[in-house]
Amino acid sequence: MSQEYDFSKGKRGAIAPVTTGKTRITIRLDDEVLGWFRAQVHAAGGGNYQSLINLALREHVKKSTEPLEETLRRILREEFCGEPAHLGRVRRKTPMKKTALRKKVASK
């Protein structure tokens, strides 16, 4: 190394500033899980697999803390994809009495 370099005002540590709201940790993941996230990023044409893992964890936390009613509504929306809940005939909440049913059939 050349003698002309002056490191007297140099600072130790990372060059890039640390992002606020994030904490650096060490985590051990299964090879298959990590491979899946890397494959997803590769299929998307690039990006950061760590950000994808963070997004997946954030979604899991959001869904875990939502009220039961919201969870059920979300699942039903996903399952029916906007389709009506009943695809057959509509049943009455209370059955008709036999006499009322006979009158209705007789009037037709």
C-alpha atoms as a PDB file:
ATOM      1  CA  MET A   1       0.000   0.000   0.000  1.00  0.00           C
ATOM      2  CA  SER A   2       1.245   3.431  -0.819  1.00  0.00           C
ATOM      3  CA  GLN A   3       2.443   5.771   1.933  1.00  0.00           C
ATOM      4  CA  GLU A   4       0.353   8.683   0.559  1.00  0.00           C
ATOM      5  CA  TYR A   5      -3.020   7.360   1.823  1.00  0.00           C
ATOM      6  CA  ASP A   6      -4.258   9.092   4.984  1.00  0.00           C
ATOM      7  CA  PHE A   7      -6.728   7.118   7.081  1.00  0.00           C
ATOM      8  CA  SER A   8      -6.456   9.329  10.156  1.00  0.00           C
ATOM      9  CA  LYS A   9     -10.030  10.661   9.681  1.00  0.00           C
ATOM     10  CA  GLY A  10     -11.491   7.312   8.632  1.00  0.00           C
ATOM     11  CA  LYS A  11     -14.432   5.791  10.523  1.00  0.00           C
ATOM     12  CA  ARG A  12     -15.067   2.148  11.216  1.00  0.00           C
ATOM     13  CA  GLY A  13     -18.336   0.514  10.256  1.00  0.00           C
ATOM     14  CA  ALA A  14     -20.604   0.147   7.292  1.00  0.00           C
ATOM     15  CA  ILE A  15     -20.338   2.586   4.426  1.00  0.00           C
ATOM     16  CA  ALA A  16     -24.076   2.606   3.701  1.00  0.00           C
ATOM     17  CA  PRO A  17     -26.314   3.979   6.455  1.00  0.00           C
ATOM     18  CA  VAL A  18     -28.417   1.481   8.382  1.00  0.00           C
ATOM     19  CA  THR A  19     -32.092   1.516   7.384  1.00  0.00           C
ATOM     20  CA  THR A  20     -34.314   2.603  10.245  1.00  0.00           C
ATOM     21  CA  GLY A  21     -37.049   0.202  11.251  1.00  0.00           C
ATOM     22  CA  LYS A  22     -35.027  -2.883  10.334  1.00  0.00           C
ATOM     23  CA  THR A  23     -32.821  -5.096  12.462  1.00  0.00           C
ATOM     24  CA  ARG A  24     -30.047  -7.323  11.219  1.00  0.00           C
ATOM     25  CA  ILE A  25     -30.359 -10.890  12.499  1.00  0.00           C
ATOM     26  CA  THR A  26     -29.025 -14.322  11.705  1.00  0.00           C
ATOM     27  CA  ILE A  27     -31.696 -16.904  10.901  1.00  0.00           C
ATOM     28  CA  ARG A  28     -31.412 -20.514   9.798  1.00  0.00           C
ATOM     29  CA  LEU A  29     -33.832 -21.612   7.077  1.00  0.00           C
ATOM     30  CA  ASP A  30     -34.284 -24.971   5.380  1.00  0.00           C
ATOM     31  CA  ASP A  31     -32.458 -25.265   2.070  1.00  0.00           C
ATOM     32  CA  GLU A  32     -35.752 -25.997   0.297  1.00  0.00           C
ATOM     33  CA  VAL A  33     -37.406 -22.865   1.694  1.00  0.00           C
ATOM     34  CA  LEU A  34     -34.496 -20.633   0.782  1.00  0.00           C
ATOM     35  CA  GLY A  35     -34.266 -22.250  -2.657  1.00  0.00           C
ATOM     36  CA  TRP A  36     -37.964 -21.576  -3.265  1.00  0.00           C
ATOM     37  CA  PHE A  37     -37.632 -17.864  -2.440  1.00  0.00           C
ATOM     38  CA  ARG A  38     -34.524 -17.556  -4.614  1.00  0.00           C
ATOM     39  CA  ALA A  39     -36.331 -19.310  -7.482  1.00  0.00           C
ATOM     40  CA  GLN A  40     -39.274 -16.910  -7.145  1.00  0.00           C
ATOM     41  CA  VAL A  41     -36.960 -13.908  -7.394  1.00  0.00           C
ATOM     42  CA  HIS A  42     -35.146 -15.460 -10.355  1.00  0.00           C
ATOM     43  CA  ALA A  43     -38.464 -16.171 -12.126  1.00  0.00           C
ATOM     44  CA  ALA A  44     -39.534 -12.566 -11.563  1.00  0.00           C
ATOM     45  CA  GLY A  45     -36.403 -11.350 -13.325  1.00  0.00           C
ATOM     46  CA  GLY A  46     -34.423 -10.268 -10.297  1.00  0.00           C
ATOM     47  CA  GLY A  47     -34.825  -8.641  -6.956  1.00  0.00           C
ATOM     48  CA  ASN A  48     -33.958  -9.483  -3.397  1.00  0.00           C
ATOM     49  CA  TYR A  49     -35.019 -12.796  -1.894  1.00  0.00           C
ATOM     50  CA  GLN A  50     -34.638 -11.378   1.614  1.00  0.00           C
ATOM     51  CA  SER A  51     -37.243  -8.719   0.850  1.00  0.00           C
ATOM     52  CA  LEU A  52     -39.528 -11.453  -0.453  1.00  0.00           C
ATOM     53  CA  ILE A  53     -39.108 -13.426   2.786  1.00  0.00           C
ATOM     54  CA  ASN A  54     -39.857 -10.252   4.756  1.00  0.00           C
ATOM     55  CA  LEU A  55     -43.009  -9.675   2.685  1.00  0.00           C
ATOM     56  CA  ALA A  56     -44.172 -13.270   3.239  1.00  0.00           C
ATOM     57  CA  LEU A  57     -43.635 -12.956   6.997  1.00  0.00           C
ATOM     58  CA  ARG A  58     -45.440  -9.616   7.059  1.00  0.00           C
ATOM     59  CA  GLU A  59     -48.459 -11.144   5.252  1.00  0.00           C
ATOM     60  CA  HIS A  60     -48.490 -14.062   7.686  1.00  0.00           C
ATOM     61  CA  VAL A  61     -48.472 -11.735  10.680  1.00  0.00           C
ATOM     62  CA  LYS A  62     -51.246  -9.615   9.145  1.00  0.00           C
ATOM     63  CA  LYS A  63     -53.431 -12.658   8.523  1.00  0.00           C
ATOM     64  CA  SER A  64     -52.688 -14.088  11.968  1.00  0.00           C
ATOM     65  CA  THR A  65     -53.826 -10.952  13.765  1.00  0.00           C
ATOM     66  CA  GLU A  66     -56.938 -10.173  11.720  1.00  0.00           C
ATOM     67  CA  PRO A  67     -60.280 -10.857  13.403  1.00  0.00           C
ATOM     68  CA  LEU A  68     -61.969 -14.187  12.734  1.00  0.00           C
ATOM     69  CA  GLU A  69     -64.770 -12.498  10.794  1.00  0.00           C
ATOM     70  CA  GLU A  70     -62.281 -10.863   8.414  1.00  0.00           C
ATOM     71  CA  THR A  71     -60.448 -14.162   7.974  1.00  0.00           C
ATOM     72  CA  LEU A  72     -63.671 -15.938   7.063  1.00  0.00           C
ATOM     73  CA  ARG A  73     -64.697 -13.185   4.654  1.00  0.00           C
ATOM     74  CA  ARG A  74     -61.299 -13.272   2.949  1.00  0.00           C
ATOM     75  CA  ILE A  75     -61.361 -17.058   2.610  1.00  0.00           C
ATOM     76  CA  LEU A  76     -64.893 -17.044   1.230  1.00  0.00           C
ATOM     77  CA  ARG A  77     -63.983 -14.340  -1.295  1.00  0.00           C
ATOM     78  CA  GLU A  78     -60.974 -16.386  -2.383  1.00  0.00           C
ATOM     79  CA  GLU A  79     -62.975 -19.596  -2.654  1.00  0.00           C
ATOM     80  CA  PHE A  80     -65.973 -18.230  -4.498  1.00  0.00           C
ATOM     81  CA  CYS A  81     -64.074 -15.650  -6.593  1.00  0.00           C
ATOM     82  CA  GLY A  82     -67.067 -13.360  -6.689  1.00  0.00           C
ATOM     83  CA  GLU A  83     -69.519 -16.175  -7.416  1.00  0.00           C
ATOM     84  CA  PRO A  84     -72.754 -16.243  -5.426  1.00  0.00           C
ATOM     85  CA  ALA A  85     -72.601 -18.423  -2.340  1.00  0.00           C
ATOM     86  CA  HIS A  86     -75.480 -20.588  -3.560  1.00  0.00           C
ATOM     87  CA  LEU A  87     -75.467 -22.047  -7.017  1.00  0.00           C
ATOM     88  CA  GLY A  88     -78.682 -24.035  -6.647  1.00  0.00           C
ATOM     89  CA  ARG A  89     -82.129 -23.126  -5.449  1.00  0.00           C
ATOM     90  CA  VAL A  90     -82.611 -20.924  -2.431  1.00  0.00           C
ATOM     91  CA  ARG A  91     -83.990 -22.663   0.610  1.00  0.00           C
ATOM     92  CA  ARG A  92     -86.379 -20.974   2.959  1.00  0.00           C
ATOM     93  CA  LYS A  93     -85.253 -20.371   6.512  1.00  0.00           C
ATOM     94  CA  THR A  94     -88.471 -21.851   7.866  1.00  0.00           C
ATOM     95  CA  PRO A  95     -90.279 -24.619   6.020  1.00  0.00           C
ATOM     96  CA  MET A  96     -93.776 -23.939   4.748  1.00  0.00           C
ATOM     97  CA  LYS A  97     -96.633 -25.679   6.492  1.00  0.00           C
ATOM     98  CA  LYS A  98     -98.315 -28.418   4.500  1.00  0.00           C
ATOM     99  CA  THR A  99    -101.557 -26.449   4.108  1.00  0.00           C
ATOM    100  CA  ALA A 100     -99.738 -23.362   2.792  1.00  0.00           C
ATOM    101  CA  LEU A 101     -97.734 -25.563   0.451  1.00  0.00           C
ATOM    102  CA  ARG A 102    -100.901 -27.252  -0.870  1.00  0.00           C
ATOM    103  CA  LYS A 103    -102.539 -23.849  -1.488  1.00  0.00           C
ATOM    104  CA  LYS A 104     -99.453 -22.629  -3.354  1.00  0.00           C
ATOM    105  CA  VAL A 105     -99.335 -25.744  -5.540  1.00  0.00           C
ATOM    106  CA  ALA A 106    -103.099 -25.625  -6.175  1.00  0.00           C
ATOM    107  CA  SER A 107    -102.960 -21.980  -7.273  1.00  0.00           C
ATOM    108  CA  LYS A 108    -100.424 -22.795 -10.028  1.00  0.00           C
END
